[in-house]
PDB file of N, CA and C in Angstrom:
ATOM      1  N   MET A   1       7.743  -1.724  10.156  1.00  0.00           N
ATOM      2  CA  MET A   1       6.892  -0.727   9.684  1.00  0.00           C
ATOM      3  C   MET A   1       6.619  -1.165   8.606  1.00  0.00           C
ATOM      4  N   LYS A   2       5.419  -1.674   7.882  1.00  0.00           N
ATOM      5  CA  LYS A   2       5.368  -2.247   6.623  1.00  0.00           C
ATOM      6  C   LYS A   2       4.681  -0.756   5.304  1.00  0.00           C
ATOM      7  N   LEU A   3       5.620  -0.864   4.049  1.00  0.00           N
ATOM      8  CA  LEU A   3       5.287   0.371   3.077  1.00  0.00           C
ATOM      9  C   LEU A   3       4.206   0.852   3.065  1.00  0.00           C
ATOM     10  N   ALA A   4       2.942   0.462   3.210  1.00  0.00           N
ATOM     11  CA  ALA A   4       1.374   0.986   3.195  1.00  0.00           C
ATOM     12  C   ALA A   4       0.931   1.579   4.488  1.00  0.00           C
ATOM     13  N   GLU A   5       2.222   1.093   5.417  1.00  0.00           N
ATOM     14  CA  GLU A   5       1.449   1.955   6.728  1.00  0.00           C
ATOM     15  C   GLU A   5       2.979   3.511   6.645  1.00  0.00           C
ATOM     16  N   LYS A   6       3.861   3.197   6.399  1.00  0.00           N
ATOM     17  CA  LYS A   6       4.816   4.486   6.192  1.00  0.00           C
ATOM     18  C   LYS A   6       3.940   5.552   5.712  1.00  0.00           C
ATOM     19  N   TRP A   7       3.174   4.978   4.128  1.00  0.00           N
ATOM     20  CA  TRP A   7       3.067   6.013   3.013  1.00  0.00           C
ATOM     21  C   TRP A   7       1.660   6.194   3.270  1.00  0.00           C
ATOM     22  N   HIS A   8       1.197   5.483   4.530  1.00  0.00           N
ATOM     23  CA  HIS A   8      -0.660   5.648   4.096  1.00  0.00           C
ATOM     24  C   HIS A   8      -1.004   7.205   4.368  1.00  0.00           C
ATOM     25  N   HIS A   9      -0.206   8.183   5.628  1.00  0.00           N
ATOM     26  CA  HIS A   9      -0.435   9.525   5.348  1.00  0.00           C
ATOM     27  C   HIS A   9      -0.198  10.071   4.339  1.00  0.00           C
ATOM     28  N   THR A  10       0.661  10.718   3.498  1.00  0.00           N
ATOM     29  CA  THR A  10       0.756  10.923   2.471  1.00  0.00           C
ATOM     30  C   THR A  10      -0.333  10.307   1.494  1.00  0.00           C
ATOM     31  N   VAL A  11      -0.715   8.579   1.044  1.00  0.00           N
ATOM     32  CA  VAL A  11      -1.547   8.871   0.455  1.00  0.00           C
ATOM     33  C   VAL A  11      -2.892   9.657   0.657  1.00  0.00           C
ATOM     34  N   VAL A  12      -3.089   9.610   2.059  1.00  0.00           N
ATOM     35  CA  VAL A  12      -4.358  10.251   2.828  1.00  0.00           C
ATOM     36  C   VAL A  12      -4.107  11.391   2.345  1.00  0.00           C
ATOM     37  N   ASP A  13      -3.243  12.268   2.461  1.00  0.00           N
ATOM     38  CA  ASP A  13      -3.332  13.569   2.499  1.00  0.00           C
ATOM     39  C   ASP A  13      -3.665  14.105   1.302  1.00  0.00           C
ATOM     40  N   MET A  14      -3.049  13.266   0.252  1.00  0.00           N
ATOM     41  CA  MET A  14      -3.168  13.319  -1.651  1.00  0.00           C
ATOM     42  C   MET A  14      -4.853  13.063  -1.479  1.00  0.00           C
ATOM     43  N   ALA A  15      -5.240  12.807  -1.555  1.00  0.00           N
ATOM     44  CA  ALA A  15      -6.569  12.499  -1.593  1.00  0.00           C
ATOM     45  C   ALA A  15      -7.361  13.302  -0.991  1.00  0.00           C
ATOM     46  N   LYS A  16      -7.114  13.870   0.088  1.00  0.00           N
ATOM     47  CA  LYS A  16      -8.392  14.574   0.474  1.00  0.00           C
ATOM     48  C   LYS A  16      -7.848  16.000  -0.409  1.00  0.00           C
ATOM     49  N   ARG A  17      -7.011  16.252  -0.934  1.00  0.00           N
ATOM     50  CA  ARG A  17      -6.574  17.714  -2.206  1.00  0.00           C
ATOM     51  C   ARG A  17      -7.649  17.395  -2.999  1.00  0.00           C
ATOM     52  N   PHE A  18      -7.505  16.054  -3.566  1.00  0.00           N
ATOM     53  CA  PHE A  18      -8.191  15.636  -4.981  1.00  0.00           C
ATOM     54  C   PHE A  18      -9.854  15.435  -4.340  1.00  0.00           C
ATOM     55  N   GLY A  19     -10.368  15.853  -2.929  1.00  0.00           N
ATOM     56  CA  GLY A  19     -11.377  15.782  -2.906  1.00  0.00           C
ATOM     57  C   GLY A  19     -12.257  14.228  -2.157  1.00  0.00           C
ATOM     58  N   ILE A  20     -11.615  13.455  -1.742  1.00  0.00           N
ATOM     59  CA  ILE A  20     -11.749  11.972  -1.095  1.00  0.00           C
ATOM     60  C   ILE A  20     -11.860  12.354   0.203  1.00  0.00           C
ATOM     61  N   THR A  21     -13.395  12.084   0.968  1.00  0.00           N
ATOM     62  CA  THR A  21     -13.588  12.354   1.931  1.00  0.00           C
ATOM     63  C   THR A  21     -13.750  10.927   2.541  1.00  0.00           C
ATOM     64  N   THR A  22     -13.831   9.722   2.277  1.00  0.00           N
ATOM     65  CA  THR A  22     -13.851   8.887   2.459  1.00  0.00           C
ATOM     66  C   THR A  22     -12.938   8.183   3.056  1.00  0.00           C
ATOM     67  N   PRO A  23     -13.013   7.608   4.448  1.00  0.00           N
ATOM     68  CA  PRO A  23     -12.086   6.984   5.565  1.00  0.00           C
ATOM     69  C   PRO A  23     -11.088   5.507   4.654  1.00  0.00           C
ATOM     70  N   LEU A  24      -9.843   6.283   4.238  1.00  0.00           N
ATOM     71  CA  LEU A  24      -9.164   4.900   3.767  1.00  0.00           C
ATOM     72  C   LEU A  24      -8.160   4.237   4.727  1.00  0.00           C
ATOM     73  N   PRO A  25      -8.623   2.933   4.716  1.00  0.00           N
ATOM     74  CA  PRO A  25      -7.797   2.108   5.756  1.00  0.00           C
ATOM     75  C   PRO A  25      -6.199   1.849   5.418  1.00  0.00           C
ATOM     76  N   VAL A  26      -5.792   2.063   5.719  1.00  0.00           N
ATOM     77  CA  VAL A  26      -3.955   1.372   5.926  1.00  0.00           C
ATOM     78  C   VAL A  26      -4.046   0.425   4.411  1.00  0.00           C
ATOM     79  N   SER A  27      -4.606  -0.623   4.698  1.00  0.00           N
ATOM     80  CA  SER A  27      -4.286  -1.466   3.694  1.00  0.00           C
ATOM     81  C   SER A  27      -5.153  -1.249   2.293  1.00  0.00           C
ATOM     82  N   SER A  28      -5.778  -0.348   2.321  1.00  0.00           N
ATOM     83  CA  SER A  28      -6.415  -0.040   0.744  1.00  0.00           C
ATOM     84  C   SER A  28      -5.787   0.925   0.468  1.00  0.00           C
ATOM     85  N   ALA A  29      -5.302   1.929   1.325  1.00  0.00           N
ATOM     86  CA  ALA A  29      -4.569   2.993   0.792  1.00  0.00           C
ATOM     87  C   ALA A  29      -3.038   2.372  -0.015  1.00  0.00           C
ATOM     88  N   GLY A  30      -2.348   1.497   0.465  1.00  0.00           N
ATOM     89  CA  GLY A  30      -1.707   1.405  -0.295  1.00  0.00           C
ATOM     90  C   GLY A  30      -1.578   0.305  -1.626  1.00  0.00           C
ATOM     91  N   ALA A  31      -2.946  -0.163  -1.926  1.00  0.00           N
ATOM     92  CA  ALA A  31      -2.944  -1.136  -2.994  1.00  0.00           C
ATOM     93  C   ALA A  31      -3.763  -0.249  -3.847  1.00  0.00           C
ATOM     94  N   ARG A  32      -4.207   1.346  -3.359  1.00  0.00           N
ATOM     95  CA  ARG A  32      -4.943   1.946  -4.142  1.00  0.00           C
ATOM     96  C   ARG A  32      -6.448   1.768  -4.614  1.00  0.00           C
ATOM     97  N   ALA A  33      -7.016   0.923  -3.574  1.00  0.00           N
ATOM     98  CA  ALA A  33      -8.317   0.529  -3.584  1.00  0.00           C
ATOM     99  C   ALA A  33      -9.179   0.492  -2.292  1.00  0.00           C
ATOM    100  N   ALA A  34     -10.268   1.444  -2.624  1.00  0.00           N
ATOM    101  CA  ALA A  34     -11.200   1.573  -1.544  1.00  0.00           C
ATOM    102  C   ALA A  34     -12.912   1.835  -2.298  1.00  0.00           C
ATOM    103  N   ASP A  35     -13.577   1.779  -0.999  1.00  0.00           N
ATOM    104  CA  ASP A  35     -15.283   1.902  -1.962  1.00  0.00           C
ATOM    105  C   ASP A  35     -15.330   3.484  -1.621  1.00  0.00           C
ATOM    106  N   MET A  36     -15.501   4.210  -2.319  1.00  0.00           N
ATOM    107  CA  MET A  36     -15.825   5.199  -1.897  1.00  0.00           C
ATOM    108  C   MET A  36     -16.939   5.805  -2.987  1.00  0.00           C
ATOM    109  N   LYS A  37     -17.886   6.477  -2.879  1.00  0.00           N
ATOM    110  CA  LYS A  37     -18.764   7.619  -3.674  1.00  0.00           C
ATOM    111  C   LYS A  37     -18.246   7.556  -4.983  1.00  0.00           C
ATOM    112  N   LEU A  38     -19.380   7.769  -6.088  1.00  0.00           N
ATOM    113  CA  LEU A  38     -18.436   7.865  -7.595  1.00  0.00           C
ATOM    114  C   LEU A  38     -18.535   9.477  -7.404  1.00  0.00           C
ATOM    115  N   GLU A  39     -19.238  10.076  -6.808  1.00  0.00           N
ATOM    116  CA  GLU A  39     -18.877  11.859  -6.935  1.00  0.00           C
ATOM    117  C   GLU A  39     -17.495  11.768  -6.763  1.00  0.00           C
ATOM    118  N   GLU A  40     -17.205  11.767  -5.512  1.00  0.00           N
ATOM    119  CA  GLU A  40     -15.602  11.632  -5.210  1.00  0.00           C
ATOM    120  C   GLU A  40     -14.956  11.332  -6.011  1.00  0.00           C
ATOM    121  N   HIS A  41     -14.964   9.985  -6.758  1.00  0.00           N
ATOM    122  CA  HIS A  41     -14.346  10.054  -7.678  1.00  0.00           C
ATOM    123  C   HIS A  41     -14.232  10.511  -9.050  1.00  0.00           C
ATOM    124  N   VAL A  42     -15.314  10.728  -9.275  1.00  0.00           N
ATOM    125  CA  VAL A  42     -15.193  11.745 -10.338  1.00  0.00           C
ATOM    126  C   VAL A  42     -14.512  13.402 -10.152  1.00  0.00           C
ATOM    127  N   SER A  43     -14.905  13.746  -9.215  1.00  0.00           N
ATOM    128  CA  SER A  43     -14.298  14.941  -8.631  1.00  0.00           C
ATOM    129  C   SER A  43     -12.945  14.698  -8.690  1.00  0.00           C
ATOM    130  N   ALA A  44     -12.164  13.809  -8.239  1.00  0.00           N
ATOM    131  CA  ALA A  44     -10.580  13.251  -8.068  1.00  0.00           C
ATOM    132  C   ALA A  44     -10.030  13.599  -9.306  1.00  0.00           C
ATOM    133  N   PHE A  45     -10.561  12.770 -10.260  1.00  0.00           N
ATOM    134  CA  PHE A  45     -10.235  13.044 -11.667  1.00  0.00           C
ATOM    135  C   PHE A  45     -10.024  14.243 -12.331  1.00  0.00           C
ATOM    136  N   THR A  46     -11.025  15.200 -11.645  1.00  0.00           N
ATOM    137  CA  THR A  46     -10.827  16.837 -12.352  1.00  0.00           C
ATOM    138  C   THR A  46      -9.428  17.545 -12.294  1.00  0.00           C
ATOM    139  N   VAL A  47      -8.567  16.671 -11.133  1.00  0.00           N
ATOM    140  CA  VAL A  47      -7.349  17.965 -11.032  1.00  0.00           C
ATOM    141  C   VAL A  47      -6.444  17.146 -11.883  1.00  0.00           C
ATOM    142  N   PHE A  48      -6.567  15.962 -13.003  1.00  0.00           N
ATOM    143  CA  PHE A  48      -5.426  16.069 -13.602  1.00  0.00           C
ATOM    144  C   PHE A  48      -5.251  16.947 -15.014  1.00  0.00           C
ATOM    145  N   PRO A  49      -6.486  17.034 -15.821  1.00  0.00           N
ATOM    146  CA  PRO A  49      -6.580  17.658 -17.130  1.00  0.00           C
ATOM    147  C   PRO A  49      -6.490  19.143 -16.077  1.00  0.00           C
ATOM    148  N   ASN A  50      -6.663  19.932 -14.913  1.00  0.00           N
ATOM    149  CA  ASN A  50      -6.955  21.005 -14.732  1.00  0.00           C
ATOM    150  C   ASN A  50      -5.911  21.639 -14.541  1.00  0.00           C
ATOM    151  N   ASP A  51      -4.539  21.128 -14.281  1.00  0.00           N
ATOM    152  CA  ASP A  51      -3.477  21.744 -13.860  1.00  0.00           C
ATOM    153  C   ASP A  51      -3.591  21.550 -11.833  1.00  0.00           C
ATOM    154  N   GLY A  52      -4.339  20.387 -11.556  1.00  0.00           N
ATOM    155  CA  GLY A  52      -3.891  20.357 -10.308  1.00  0.00           C
ATOM    156  C   GLY A  52      -4.913  21.326  -9.588  1.00  0.00           C
ATOM    157  N   ILE A  53      -6.072  21.405 -10.358  1.00  0.00           N
ATOM    158  CA  ILE A  53      -6.757  22.071  -9.655  1.00  0.00           C
ATOM    159  C   ILE A  53      -8.321  21.566  -9.446  1.00  0.00           C
ATOM    160  N   ARG A  54      -8.694  20.869  -8.445  1.00  0.00           N
ATOM    161  CA  ARG A  54     -10.054  20.249  -8.399  1.00  0.00           C
ATOM    162  C   ARG A  54     -11.478  21.421  -8.548  1.00  0.00           C
ATOM    163  N   ILE A  55     -12.215  20.592  -9.262  1.00  0.00           N
ATOM    164  CA  ILE A  55     -13.678  21.056  -9.589  1.00  0.00           C
ATOM    165  C   ILE A  55     -14.721  20.631  -9.235  1.00  0.00           C
ATOM    166  N   ASP A  56     -15.360  20.883  -8.633  1.00  0.00           N
ATOM    167  CA  ASP A  56     -16.386  20.252  -7.942  1.00  0.00           C
ATOM    168  C   ASP A  56     -17.208  19.678  -9.507  1.00  0.00           C
ATOM    169  N   PRO A  57     -17.425  18.830  -9.462  1.00  0.00           N
ATOM    170  CA  PRO A  57     -18.437  17.899 -10.300  1.00  0.00           C
ATOM    171  C   PRO A  57     -19.834  18.445 -10.224  1.00  0.00           C
ATOM    172  N   HIS A  58     -20.331  18.708 -11.387  1.00  0.00           N
ATOM    173  CA  HIS A  58     -21.790  19.273 -11.641  1.00  0.00           C
ATOM    174  C   HIS A  58     -22.903  17.860 -12.129  1.00  0.00           C
ATOM    175  N   MET A  59     -23.975  17.803 -11.444  1.00  0.00           N
ATOM    176  CA  MET A  59     -24.808  16.833 -12.204  1.00  0.00           C
ATOM    177  C   MET A  59     -26.203  17.396 -12.611  1.00  0.00           C
ATOM    178  N   ILE A  60     -26.196  16.356 -13.817  1.00  0.00           N
ATOM    179  CA  ILE A  60     -27.058  16.962 -15.401  1.00  0.00           C
ATOM    180  C   ILE A  60     -28.310  15.793 -14.819  1.00  0.00           C
ATOM    181  N   ARG A  61     -29.710  16.662 -14.653  1.00  0.00           N
ATOM    182  CA  ARG A  61     -31.016  15.946 -14.239  1.00  0.00           C
ATOM    183  C   ARG A  61     -31.235  15.063 -15.159  1.00  0.00           C
ATOM    184  N   ALA A  62     -31.277  16.168 -16.624  1.00  0.00           N
ATOM    185  CA  ALA A  62     -32.333  15.555 -17.645  1.00  0.00           C
ATOM    186  C   ALA A  62     -31.241  16.738 -18.891  1.00  0.00           C
ATOM    187  N   LEU A  63     -31.906  15.994 -20.107  1.00  0.00           N
ATOM    188  CA  LEU A  63     -31.265  16.823 -21.120  1.00  0.00           C
ATOM    189  C   LEU A  63     -33.010  17.499 -22.315  1.00  0.00           C
ATOM    190  N   PRO A  64     -32.589  18.944 -22.154  1.00  0.00           N
ATOM    191  CA  PRO A  64     -34.121  19.172 -22.353  1.00  0.00           C
ATOM    192  C   PRO A  64     -33.951  18.180 -24.324  1.00  0.00           C
ATOM    193  N   LEU A  65     -35.182  18.457 -24.722  1.00  0.00           N
ATOM    194  CA  LEU A  65     -35.406  17.817 -25.751  1.00  0.00           C
ATOM    195  C   LEU A  65     -35.751  19.129 -27.160  1.00  0.00           C
TER     196      LEU A  65
END
């Protein structure tokens, strides 16, 4: 069993807790590279500065002048 296959479920579980819903193939989970939506990527990064708590990103459509 390859290392990527062995740790695939651990990586996928962590990604789900970070808010990533895109399916991660075994090969990309091991390499930490997968195609995902920008919103999921941004949402996942909110976990680190917020003591492990994920925050849903908010979209800004326009700035009032």
